[in-house]
């Protein structure tokens, strides 16, 4: 992984390579606020349309 790439960006790259339908990205840093996560989610969707950042209370059927 290049030094300038953060893990969620790598997840997008792998999702594209694997041709997945949906990518849900999680995080665990309590210092990252909702505004930052929304900005990252918008950036992620520019590269992978069905990407989203998980939010408290989200439920997923696997």
PDB file of N, CA and C in Angstrom:
ATOM      1  N   UNK A   1       0.853  -1.176   0.000  1.00  0.00           N
ATOM      2  CA  UNK A   1       0.000   0.000   0.000  1.00  0.00           C
ATOM      3  C   UNK A   1       0.896   1.234   0.000  1.00  0.00           C
ATOM      4  N   UNK A   2       0.705   2.145  -0.928  1.00  0.00           N
ATOM      5  CA  UNK A   2       1.509   3.368  -0.963  1.00  0.00           C
ATOM      6  C   UNK A   2       1.361   4.164   0.325  1.00  0.00           C
ATOM      7  N   UNK A   3       2.398   4.870   0.709  1.00  0.00           N
ATOM      8  CA  UNK A   3       2.399   5.629   1.958  1.00  0.00           C
ATOM      9  C   UNK A   3       1.296   6.672   2.019  1.00  0.00           C
ATOM     10  N   UNK A   4       0.892   7.236   0.888  1.00  0.00           N
ATOM     11  CA  UNK A   4      -0.117   8.297   0.890  1.00  0.00           C
ATOM     12  C   UNK A   4      -1.545   7.736   0.902  1.00  0.00           C
ATOM     13  N   UNK A   5      -1.685   6.428   0.857  1.00  0.00           N
ATOM     14  CA  UNK A   5      -3.021   5.843   0.791  1.00  0.00           C
ATOM     15  C   UNK A   5      -3.449   5.359   2.181  1.00  0.00           C
ATOM     16  N   UNK A   6      -4.652   5.736   2.583  1.00  0.00           N
ATOM     17  CA  UNK A   6      -5.178   5.304   3.874  1.00  0.00           C
ATOM     18  C   UNK A   6      -5.964   4.014   3.675  1.00  0.00           C
ATOM     19  N   UNK A   7      -6.191   3.237   4.754  1.00  0.00           N
ATOM     20  CA  UNK A   7      -6.833   1.924   4.603  1.00  0.00           C
ATOM     21  C   UNK A   7      -8.173   1.934   3.877  1.00  0.00           C
ATOM     22  N   UNK A   8      -9.029   2.939   4.106  1.00  0.00           N
ATOM     23  CA  UNK A   8     -10.327   2.906   3.424  1.00  0.00           C
ATOM     24  C   UNK A   8     -10.164   3.093   1.926  1.00  0.00           C
ATOM     25  N   UNK A   9      -9.137   3.822   1.505  1.00  0.00           N
ATOM     26  CA  UNK A   9      -8.882   3.958   0.071  1.00  0.00           C
ATOM     27  C   UNK A   9      -8.409   2.639  -0.522  1.00  0.00           C
ATOM     28  N   UNK A  10      -7.620   1.896   0.243  1.00  0.00           N
ATOM     29  CA  UNK A  10      -7.190   0.569  -0.207  1.00  0.00           C
ATOM     30  C   UNK A  10      -8.397  -0.350  -0.322  1.00  0.00           C
ATOM     31  N   UNK A  11      -9.337  -0.232   0.597  1.00  0.00           N
ATOM     32  CA  UNK A  11     -10.557  -1.041   0.536  1.00  0.00           C
ATOM     33  C   UNK A  11     -11.339  -0.777  -0.741  1.00  0.00           C
ATOM     34  N   UNK A  12     -11.388   0.464  -1.154  1.00  0.00           N
ATOM     35  CA  UNK A  12     -12.072   0.806  -2.401  1.00  0.00           C
ATOM     36  C   UNK A  12     -11.346   0.163  -3.580  1.00  0.00           C
ATOM     37  N   UNK A  13     -10.030   0.264  -3.573  1.00  0.00           N
ATOM     38  CA  UNK A  13      -9.252  -0.316  -4.667  1.00  0.00           C
ATOM     39  C   UNK A  13      -9.490  -1.821  -4.762  1.00  0.00           C
ATOM     40  N   UNK A  14      -9.480  -2.515  -3.630  1.00  0.00           N
ATOM     41  CA  UNK A  14      -9.729  -3.959  -3.636  1.00  0.00           C
ATOM     42  C   UNK A  14     -11.158  -4.274  -4.058  1.00  0.00           C
ATOM     43  N   UNK A  15     -12.102  -3.475  -3.599  1.00  0.00           N
ATOM     44  CA  UNK A  15     -13.493  -3.678  -3.999  1.00  0.00           C
ATOM     45  C   UNK A  15     -13.678  -3.557  -5.500  1.00  0.00           C
ATOM     46  N   UNK A  16     -12.982  -2.609  -6.093  1.00  0.00           N
ATOM     47  CA  UNK A  16     -13.054  -2.441  -7.547  1.00  0.00           C
ATOM     48  C   UNK A  16     -12.435  -3.646  -8.254  1.00  0.00           C
ATOM     49  N   UNK A  17     -11.280  -4.094  -7.758  1.00  0.00           N
ATOM     50  CA  UNK A  17     -10.606  -5.238  -8.376  1.00  0.00           C
ATOM     51  C   UNK A  17     -11.446  -6.512  -8.273  1.00  0.00           C
ATOM     52  N   UNK A  18     -12.142  -6.663  -7.140  1.00  0.00           N
ATOM     53  CA  UNK A  18     -12.946  -7.863  -6.911  1.00  0.00           C
ATOM     54  C   UNK A  18     -14.348  -7.734  -7.485  1.00  0.00           C
ATOM     55  N   UNK A  19     -14.669  -6.556  -8.026  1.00  0.00           N
ATOM     56  CA  UNK A  19     -15.971  -6.318  -8.647  1.00  0.00           C
ATOM     57  C   UNK A  19     -17.134  -6.592  -7.679  1.00  0.00           C
ATOM     58  N   UNK A  20     -17.006  -6.081  -6.444  1.00  0.00           N
ATOM     59  CA  UNK A  20     -18.065  -6.285  -5.464  1.00  0.00           C
ATOM     60  C   UNK A  20     -19.208  -5.304  -5.725  1.00  0.00           C
ATOM     61  N   UNK A  21     -20.384  -5.631  -5.208  1.00  0.00           N
ATOM     62  CA  UNK A  21     -21.560  -4.785  -5.426  1.00  0.00           C
ATOM     63  C   UNK A  21     -21.645  -3.623  -4.449  1.00  0.00           C
ATOM     64  N   UNK A  22     -21.237  -3.851  -3.200  1.00  0.00           N
ATOM     65  CA  UNK A  22     -21.381  -2.825  -2.172  1.00  0.00           C
ATOM     66  C   UNK A  22     -20.204  -2.912  -1.217  1.00  0.00           C
ATOM     67  N   UNK A  23     -19.721  -1.757  -0.790  1.00  0.00           N
ATOM     68  CA  UNK A  23     -18.617  -1.679   0.154  1.00  0.00           C
ATOM     69  C   UNK A  23     -19.052  -0.817   1.336  1.00  0.00           C
ATOM     70  N   UNK A  24     -19.000  -1.386   2.531  1.00  0.00           N
ATOM     71  CA  UNK A  24     -19.306  -0.639   3.751  1.00  0.00           C
ATOM     72  C   UNK A  24     -18.006  -0.533   4.543  1.00  0.00           C
ATOM     73  N   UNK A  25     -17.589   0.680   4.800  1.00  0.00           N
ATOM     74  CA  UNK A  25     -16.323   0.948   5.476  1.00  0.00           C
ATOM     75  C   UNK A  25     -16.617   1.276   6.930  1.00  0.00           C
ATOM     76  N   UNK A  26     -15.851   0.688   7.838  1.00  0.00           N
ATOM     77  CA  UNK A  26     -16.020   0.969   9.259  1.00  0.00           C
ATOM     78  C   UNK A  26     -14.812   1.750   9.768  1.00  0.00           C
ATOM     79  N   UNK A  27     -14.953   2.352  10.918  1.00  0.00           N
ATOM     80  CA  UNK A  27     -13.833   3.056  11.552  1.00  0.00           C
ATOM     81  C   UNK A  27     -13.971   2.917  13.062  1.00  0.00           C
ATOM     82  N   UNK A  28     -12.896   3.171  13.765  1.00  0.00           N
ATOM     83  CA  UNK A  28     -12.936   3.027  15.221  1.00  0.00           C
ATOM     84  C   UNK A  28     -12.258   4.191  15.949  1.00  0.00           C
ATOM     85  N   UNK A  29     -12.025   5.289  15.276  1.00  0.00           N
ATOM     86  CA  UNK A  29     -11.373   6.426  15.897  1.00  0.00           C
ATOM     87  C   UNK A  29     -12.429   7.407  16.404  1.00  0.00           C
ATOM     88  N   UNK A  30     -12.633   7.475  17.719  1.00  0.00           N
ATOM     89  CA  UNK A  30     -13.664   8.369  18.257  1.00  0.00           C
ATOM     90  C   UNK A  30     -13.358   9.852  18.044  1.00  0.00           C
ATOM     91  N   UNK A  31     -12.127  10.182  17.670  1.00  0.00           N
ATOM     92  CA  UNK A  31     -11.769  11.576  17.426  1.00  0.00           C
ATOM     93  C   UNK A  31     -12.199  12.053  16.035  1.00  0.00           C
ATOM     94  N   UNK A  32     -12.635  11.135  15.188  1.00  0.00           N
ATOM     95  CA  UNK A  32     -13.097  11.495  13.847  1.00  0.00           C
ATOM     96  C   UNK A  32     -14.586  11.780  13.926  1.00  0.00           C
ATOM     97  N   UNK A  33     -14.963  13.003  13.612  1.00  0.00           N
ATOM     98  CA  UNK A  33     -16.358  13.418  13.729  1.00  0.00           C
ATOM     99  C   UNK A  33     -17.196  13.102  12.498  1.00  0.00           C
ATOM    100  N   UNK A  34     -18.485  13.322  12.642  1.00  0.00           N
ATOM    101  CA  UNK A  34     -19.440  13.042  11.563  1.00  0.00           C
ATOM    102  C   UNK A  34     -19.121  13.820  10.298  1.00  0.00           C
ATOM    103  N   UNK A  35     -18.705  15.071  10.440  1.00  0.00           N
ATOM    104  CA  UNK A  35     -18.399  15.902   9.268  1.00  0.00           C
ATOM    105  C   UNK A  35     -17.264  15.272   8.455  1.00  0.00           C
ATOM    106  N   UNK A  36     -16.214  14.842   9.120  1.00  0.00           N
ATOM    107  CA  UNK A  36     -15.078  14.217   8.442  1.00  0.00           C
ATOM    108  C   UNK A  36     -15.504  12.924   7.771  1.00  0.00           C
ATOM    109  N   UNK A  37     -16.319  12.135   8.465  1.00  0.00           N
ATOM    110  CA  UNK A  37     -16.782  10.878   7.874  1.00  0.00           C
ATOM    111  C   UNK A  37     -17.647  11.124   6.643  1.00  0.00           C
ATOM    112  N   UNK A  38     -18.495  12.149   6.676  1.00  0.00           N
ATOM    113  CA  UNK A  38     -19.306  12.477   5.489  1.00  0.00           C
ATOM    114  C   UNK A  38     -18.422  12.901   4.320  1.00  0.00           C
ATOM    115  N   UNK A  39     -17.384  13.665   4.613  1.00  0.00           N
ATOM    116  CA  UNK A  39     -16.460  14.083   3.552  1.00  0.00           C
ATOM    117  C   UNK A  39     -15.750  12.864   2.961  1.00  0.00           C
ATOM    118  N   UNK A  40     -15.313  11.959   3.818  1.00  0.00           N
ATOM    119  CA  UNK A  40     -14.649  10.749   3.339  1.00  0.00           C
ATOM    120  C   UNK A  40     -15.611   9.872   2.547  1.00  0.00           C
ATOM    121  N   UNK A  41     -16.845   9.782   3.012  1.00  0.00           N
ATOM    122  CA  UNK A  41     -17.839   8.986   2.293  1.00  0.00           C
ATOM    123  C   UNK A  41     -18.093   9.568   0.899  1.00  0.00           C
ATOM    124  N   UNK A  42     -18.200  10.887   0.797  1.00  0.00           N
ATOM    125  CA  UNK A  42     -18.382  11.526  -0.509  1.00  0.00           C
ATOM    126  C   UNK A  42     -17.194  11.250  -1.416  1.00  0.00           C
ATOM    127  N   UNK A  43     -15.991  11.326  -0.864  1.00  0.00           N
ATOM    128  CA  UNK A  43     -14.791  11.034  -1.641  1.00  0.00           C
ATOM    129  C   UNK A  43     -14.786   9.571  -2.093  1.00  0.00           C
ATOM    130  N   UNK A  44     -15.181   8.684  -1.190  1.00  0.00           N
ATOM    131  CA  UNK A  44     -15.229   7.250  -1.525  1.00  0.00           C
ATOM    132  C   UNK A  44     -16.218   6.999  -2.663  1.00  0.00           C
ATOM    133  N   UNK A  45     -17.365   7.660  -2.615  1.00  0.00           N
ATOM    134  CA  UNK A  45     -18.398   7.455  -3.647  1.00  0.00           C
ATOM    135  C   UNK A  45     -17.986   8.005  -5.012  1.00  0.00           C
ATOM    136  N   UNK A  46     -17.052   8.933  -5.033  1.00  0.00           N
ATOM    137  CA  UNK A  46     -16.534   9.402  -6.316  1.00  0.00           C
ATOM    138  C   UNK A  46     -15.768   8.287  -7.029  1.00  0.00           C
ATOM    139  N   UNK A  47     -15.190   7.389  -6.241  1.00  0.00           N
ATOM    140  CA  UNK A  47     -14.386   6.303  -6.803  1.00  0.00           C
ATOM    141  C   UNK A  47     -15.152   4.986  -6.885  1.00  0.00           C
ATOM    142  N   UNK A  48     -16.128   4.820  -5.979  1.00  0.00           N
ATOM    143  CA  UNK A  48     -16.890   3.572  -5.893  1.00  0.00           C
ATOM    144  C   UNK A  48     -18.311   3.944  -5.489  1.00  0.00           C
ATOM    145  N   UNK A  49     -19.209   3.952  -6.441  1.00  0.00           N
ATOM    146  CA  UNK A  49     -20.561   4.496  -6.250  1.00  0.00           C
ATOM    147  C   UNK A  49     -21.305   3.871  -5.071  1.00  0.00           C
ATOM    148  N   UNK A  50     -21.156   2.576  -4.852  1.00  0.00           N
ATOM    149  CA  UNK A  50     -21.886   1.892  -3.781  1.00  0.00           C
ATOM    150  C   UNK A  50     -21.061   1.744  -2.510  1.00  0.00           C
ATOM    151  N   UNK A  51     -20.223   2.719  -2.230  1.00  0.00           N
ATOM    152  CA  UNK A  51     -19.452   2.723  -0.985  1.00  0.00           C
ATOM    153  C   UNK A  51     -20.182   3.569   0.046  1.00  0.00           C
ATOM    154  N   UNK A  52     -20.085   3.165   1.294  1.00  0.00           N
ATOM    155  CA  UNK A  52     -20.638   3.966   2.384  1.00  0.00           C
ATOM    156  C   UNK A  52     -19.820   3.718   3.643  1.00  0.00           C
ATOM    157  N   UNK A  53     -19.913   4.633   4.563  1.00  0.00           N
ATOM    158  CA  UNK A  53     -19.273   4.473   5.858  1.00  0.00           C
ATOM    159  C   UNK A  53     -20.341   4.042   6.854  1.00  0.00           C
ATOM    160  N   UNK A  54     -20.069   2.989   7.598  1.00  0.00           N
ATOM    161  CA  UNK A  54     -21.030   2.487   8.583  1.00  0.00           C
ATOM    162  C   UNK A  54     -21.242   3.542   9.668  1.00  0.00           C
ATOM    163  N   UNK A  55     -22.472   3.601  10.137  1.00  0.00           N
ATOM    164  CA  UNK A  55     -22.831   4.545  11.197  1.00  0.00           C
ATOM    165  C   UNK A  55     -23.410   3.770  12.380  1.00  0.00           C
ATOM    166  N   UNK A  56     -23.357   4.354  13.544  1.00  0.00           N
ATOM    167  CA  UNK A  56     -23.898   3.710  14.740  1.00  0.00           C
ATOM    168  C   UNK A  56     -25.332   3.298  14.500  1.00  0.00           C
ATOM    169  N   UNK A  57     -25.646   2.042  14.788  1.00  0.00           N
ATOM    170  CA  UNK A  57     -26.996   1.542  14.652  1.00  0.00           C
ATOM    171  C   UNK A  57     -27.288   0.875  13.317  1.00  0.00           C
ATOM    172  N   UNK A  58     -26.372   0.992  12.352  1.00  0.00           N
ATOM    173  CA  UNK A  58     -26.582   0.325  11.063  1.00  0.00           C
ATOM    174  C   UNK A  58     -26.655  -1.190  11.251  1.00  0.00           C
ATOM    175  N   UNK A  59     -27.502  -1.828  10.480  1.00  0.00           N
ATOM    176  CA  UNK A  59     -27.620  -3.287  10.498  1.00  0.00           C
ATOM    177  C   UNK A  59     -27.534  -3.764   9.068  1.00  0.00           C
ATOM    178  N   UNK A  60     -26.865  -4.902   8.899  1.00  0.00           N
ATOM    179  CA  UNK A  60     -26.632  -5.433   7.570  1.00  0.00           C
ATOM    180  C   UNK A  60     -26.995  -6.909   7.519  1.00  0.00           C
ATOM    181  N   UNK A  61     -27.636  -7.312   6.476  1.00  0.00           N
ATOM    182  CA  UNK A  61     -27.937  -8.718   6.244  1.00  0.00           C
ATOM    183  C   UNK A  61     -26.804  -9.297   5.409  1.00  0.00           C
ATOM    184  N   UNK A  62     -26.109 -10.258   5.965  1.00  0.00           N
ATOM    185  CA  UNK A  62     -24.983 -10.874   5.247  1.00  0.00           C
ATOM    186  C   UNK A  62     -25.403 -12.152   4.564  1.00  0.00           C
TER     187      UNK A  62
END
